[in-house]
Amino acid sequence: MNKEQREKEFKELKSRAEHCLSHPEEMEPKETIQEMRAVYRLWHYPSFGDHKSWLLFLPARDTENKDVTIAREVTWKRSIDTKRFSNPTIGLKLGFHVSPSLEVVDAVINLKDLNKQLEKLENVDISLSTISRIIGLDGEMYGFQDLNPYQEFCLEWWSNGPREWFELISWAAEMREFLESYFRKPEYIDA
């Protein structure tokens, strides 16, 4: 496969990975989230590292167990895919296919603990019009999406983000750390 073809295929792979990161609810396993509704999505996409997206679910209103809920973490192993397409030896070994290297993990989250985190969001005020001017080349993209069908919105920022969004950015960092603490528990770490 020539370089131009690899670039075209990597572009297709990237598009597929971005779709999966944006729509974790469409990925398997679906049975763990059957009686759940997606409410919030957060993400972190470093320039040179693996990309992660977290989707928070809340129990459906008629669900029996309302003490716990599910969070889904989707990781695009971008570093693996980049090596496959940039190093012919690795590409031959692992294949030049356009299926992204993804990892999907669901974690059970204590609903009381989650609600404490979400209550902090209620006190966040932001201006949608920002004055900050950001210039940069490489960095990290972050984002937060509210999936409420009556007030859905999506905000994305680069690096430290605009200073006017400091409260939201701090809350999102705290929420990502809260979620990561569940995914670092021994029962969720691959042996």
Protein backbone atom coordinates (compact mmCIF):
# COMPACT_ATOMS: atom_id res chain seq x y z
CA MET A 1 0.00 0.00 0.00
CA ASN A 2 1.46 3.38 -0.98
CA LYS A 3 1.71 6.41 1.29
CA GLU A 4 -1.21 8.26 -0.32
CA GLN A 5 -3.49 5.26 0.15
CA ARG A 6 -2.41 4.93 3.82
CA GLU A 7 -3.16 8.62 4.41
CA LYS A 8 -6.61 8.24 2.87
CA GLU A 9 -7.33 5.12 4.92
CA PHE A 10 -6.03 6.73 8.13
CA LYS A 11 -8.41 9.63 7.50
CA GLU A 12 -11.28 7.11 7.22
CA LEU A 13 -10.11 5.35 10.40
CA LYS A 14 -9.95 8.70 12.25
CA SER A 15 -13.48 9.57 11.13
CA ARG A 16 -14.78 6.22 12.42
CA ALA A 17 -12.96 6.65 15.74
CA GLU A 18 -14.35 10.17 16.18
CA HIS A 19 -17.86 8.88 15.56
CA CYS A 20 -17.43 6.19 18.23
CA LEU A 21 -16.05 8.73 20.71
CA SER A 22 -19.01 11.04 19.99
CA HIS A 23 -21.61 8.26 20.25
CA PRO A 24 -20.52 5.77 22.94
CA GLU A 25 -24.14 4.68 23.39
CA GLU A 26 -24.03 3.05 19.93
CA MET A 27 -21.18 0.74 20.90
CA GLU A 28 -21.34 -2.76 22.34
CA PRO A 29 -22.14 -3.92 24.93
CA LYS A 30 -25.60 -2.41 24.67
CA GLU A 31 -27.28 -4.66 27.24
CA THR A 32 -25.54 -2.88 30.15
CA ILE A 33 -27.17 0.42 29.18
CA GLN A 34 -30.59 -0.85 28.08
CA GLU A 35 -32.58 0.71 30.89
CA MET A 36 -30.47 3.86 31.03
CA ARG A 37 -30.62 7.27 29.44
CA ALA A 38 -27.49 9.15 28.39
CA VAL A 39 -27.23 12.54 30.11
CA TYR A 40 -23.70 13.97 29.82
CA ARG A 41 -20.59 13.36 27.76
CA LEU A 42 -17.08 14.59 28.48
CA TRP A 43 -13.94 14.12 26.42
CA HIS A 44 -10.20 14.66 26.33
CA TYR A 45 -8.28 14.47 23.04
CA PRO A 46 -4.54 15.10 23.43
CA SER A 47 -2.59 15.92 20.25
CA PHE A 48 -0.27 12.94 20.52
CA GLY A 49 -1.98 10.54 22.91
CA ASP A 50 -5.00 8.30 23.08
CA HIS A 51 -8.41 9.98 22.95
CA LYS A 52 -11.02 9.34 25.64
CA SER A 53 -14.71 10.00 25.93
CA TRP A 54 -16.96 9.36 28.93
CA LEU A 55 -20.70 9.02 28.73
CA LEU A 56 -22.82 9.21 31.89
CA PHE A 57 -26.11 7.40 32.10
CA LEU A 58 -28.89 7.75 34.61
CA PRO A 59 -31.45 5.06 35.35
CA ALA A 60 -34.67 5.31 33.36
CA ARG A 61 -37.53 6.59 35.45
CA ASP A 62 -39.22 3.17 35.73
CA THR A 63 -36.05 1.26 36.63
CA GLU A 64 -36.08 -0.69 39.90
CA ASN A 65 -32.45 -0.08 40.96
CA LYS A 66 -31.93 3.65 41.37
CA ASP A 67 -28.88 3.47 43.67
CA VAL A 68 -26.32 2.91 40.94
CA THR A 69 -25.80 3.97 37.39
CA ILE A 70 -23.36 3.37 34.54
CA ALA A 71 -20.54 5.39 33.05
CA ARG A 72 -18.98 4.30 29.76
CA GLU A 73 -15.40 5.07 28.87
CA VAL A 74 -14.35 4.80 25.23
CA THR A 75 -10.65 5.02 24.45
CA TRP A 76 -9.31 5.32 20.93
CA LYS A 77 -5.84 3.80 21.07
CA ARG A 78 -4.68 6.42 18.61
CA SER A 79 -1.01 5.70 19.30
CA ILE A 80 -1.45 2.11 18.09
CA ASP A 81 -3.30 3.15 14.94
CA THR A 82 -0.80 5.90 14.17
CA LYS A 83 2.06 3.38 14.40
CA ARG A 84 0.20 0.92 12.17
CA PHE A 85 -0.13 3.51 9.42
CA SER A 86 3.22 5.28 9.81
CA ASN A 87 5.50 2.25 10.24
CA PRO A 88 5.17 -0.30 7.39
CA THR A 89 6.64 -3.12 9.51
CA ILE A 90 4.05 -2.62 12.24
CA GLY A 91 1.36 -2.09 9.60
CA LEU A 92 2.16 -5.42 7.99
CA LYS A 93 2.14 -7.15 11.37
CA LEU A 94 -1.10 -5.57 12.68
CA GLY A 95 -2.78 -4.75 9.36
CA PHE A 96 -3.64 -1.51 7.59
CA HIS A 97 -7.41 -1.93 8.14
CA VAL A 98 -9.60 1.11 8.83
CA SER A 99 -11.18 -0.24 12.02
CA PRO A 100 -9.99 1.93 14.92
CA SER A 101 -8.36 0.34 17.95
CA LEU A 102 -11.04 1.00 20.55
CA GLU A 103 -11.55 -0.02 24.13
CA VAL A 104 -14.99 0.23 25.72
CA VAL A 105 -15.39 -0.16 29.48
CA ASP A 106 -18.55 0.27 31.55
CA ALA A 107 -18.31 1.03 35.26
CA VAL A 108 -20.98 0.96 37.94
CA ILE A 109 -21.16 4.37 39.61
CA ASN A 110 -22.71 5.10 42.97
CA LEU A 111 -25.60 7.44 42.17
CA LYS A 112 -25.25 9.43 45.42
CA ASP A 113 -21.61 10.18 44.65
CA LEU A 114 -22.45 11.11 41.06
CA ASN A 115 -25.25 13.42 42.17
CA LYS A 116 -22.79 15.26 44.46
CA GLN A 117 -20.60 15.91 41.42
CA LEU A 118 -23.57 16.97 39.28
CA GLU A 119 -24.83 19.36 41.99
CA LYS A 120 -21.58 21.31 41.58
CA LEU A 121 -22.47 21.85 37.93
CA GLU A 122 -25.64 23.67 38.96
CA ASN A 123 -23.49 26.46 40.43
CA VAL A 124 -21.40 26.98 37.29
CA ASP A 125 -21.97 30.19 35.37
CA ILE A 126 -20.30 30.80 32.03
CA SER A 127 -20.41 33.38 29.31
CA LEU A 128 -20.89 31.89 25.86
CA SER A 129 -19.19 34.91 24.35
CA THR A 130 -15.50 34.83 25.24
CA ILE A 131 -12.92 37.57 25.06
CA SER A 132 -9.86 35.34 25.46
CA ARG A 133 -7.74 34.89 22.37
CA ILE A 134 -5.94 31.56 22.20
CA ILE A 135 -3.09 30.83 19.83
CA GLY A 136 -1.39 27.45 19.71
CA LEU A 137 -0.25 24.54 17.62
CA ASP A 138 -0.46 21.36 19.62
CA GLY A 139 -2.38 20.80 22.76
CA GLU A 140 -5.38 19.08 24.12
CA MET A 141 -9.05 19.39 23.25
CA TYR A 142 -11.63 19.01 25.97
CA GLY A 143 -15.38 19.08 25.86
CA PHE A 144 -18.66 18.76 27.67
CA GLN A 145 -22.06 17.93 26.23
CA ASP A 146 -25.44 18.03 27.93
CA LEU A 147 -27.70 15.50 26.20
CA ASN A 148 -31.00 16.69 27.66
CA PRO A 149 -33.29 16.75 24.60
CA TYR A 150 -34.88 20.03 25.70
CA GLN A 151 -31.66 21.93 26.36
CA GLU A 152 -28.89 20.02 24.58
CA PHE A 153 -25.63 21.89 24.16
CA CYS A 154 -21.99 21.11 23.48
CA LEU A 155 -18.92 23.13 24.48
CA GLU A 156 -15.36 22.37 23.41
CA TRP A 157 -12.13 24.11 24.36
CA TRP A 158 -8.44 23.90 23.62
CA SER A 159 -5.82 23.53 26.36
CA ASN A 160 -6.76 25.68 29.39
CA GLY A 161 -9.72 27.18 27.54
CA PRO A 162 -11.06 30.70 27.77
CA ARG A 163 -10.73 32.27 31.21
CA GLU A 164 -14.45 33.06 31.12
CA TRP A 165 -15.13 29.31 31.26
CA PHE A 166 -12.86 28.63 34.23
CA GLU A 167 -15.67 27.32 36.46
CA LEU A 168 -16.92 24.87 33.83
CA ILE A 169 -13.41 23.75 32.89
CA SER A 170 -12.54 23.14 36.56
CA TRP A 171 -15.76 21.21 37.09
CA ALA A 172 -15.13 19.10 33.96
CA ALA A 173 -11.58 18.27 35.13
CA GLU A 174 -12.93 17.24 38.54
CA MET A 175 -15.67 15.15 36.90
CA ARG A 176 -13.16 13.38 34.62
CA GLU A 177 -11.01 12.58 37.67
CA PHE A 178 -14.10 11.33 39.53
CA LEU A 179 -14.96 9.02 36.63
CA GLU A 180 -11.36 7.86 36.18
CA SER A 181 -11.33 6.81 39.86
CA TYR A 182 -14.07 4.28 39.07
CA PHE A 183 -12.28 2.96 35.99
CA ARG A 184 -9.04 2.53 37.97
CA LYS A 185 -10.73 0.19 40.45
CA PRO A 186 -9.26 -3.34 40.31
CA GLU A 187 -12.42 -4.91 38.88
CA TYR A 188 -12.14 -2.67 35.79
CA ILE A 189 -8.43 -3.10 35.12
CA ASP A 190 -7.56 -5.73 32.52
CA ALA A 191 -5.40 -8.47 33.98
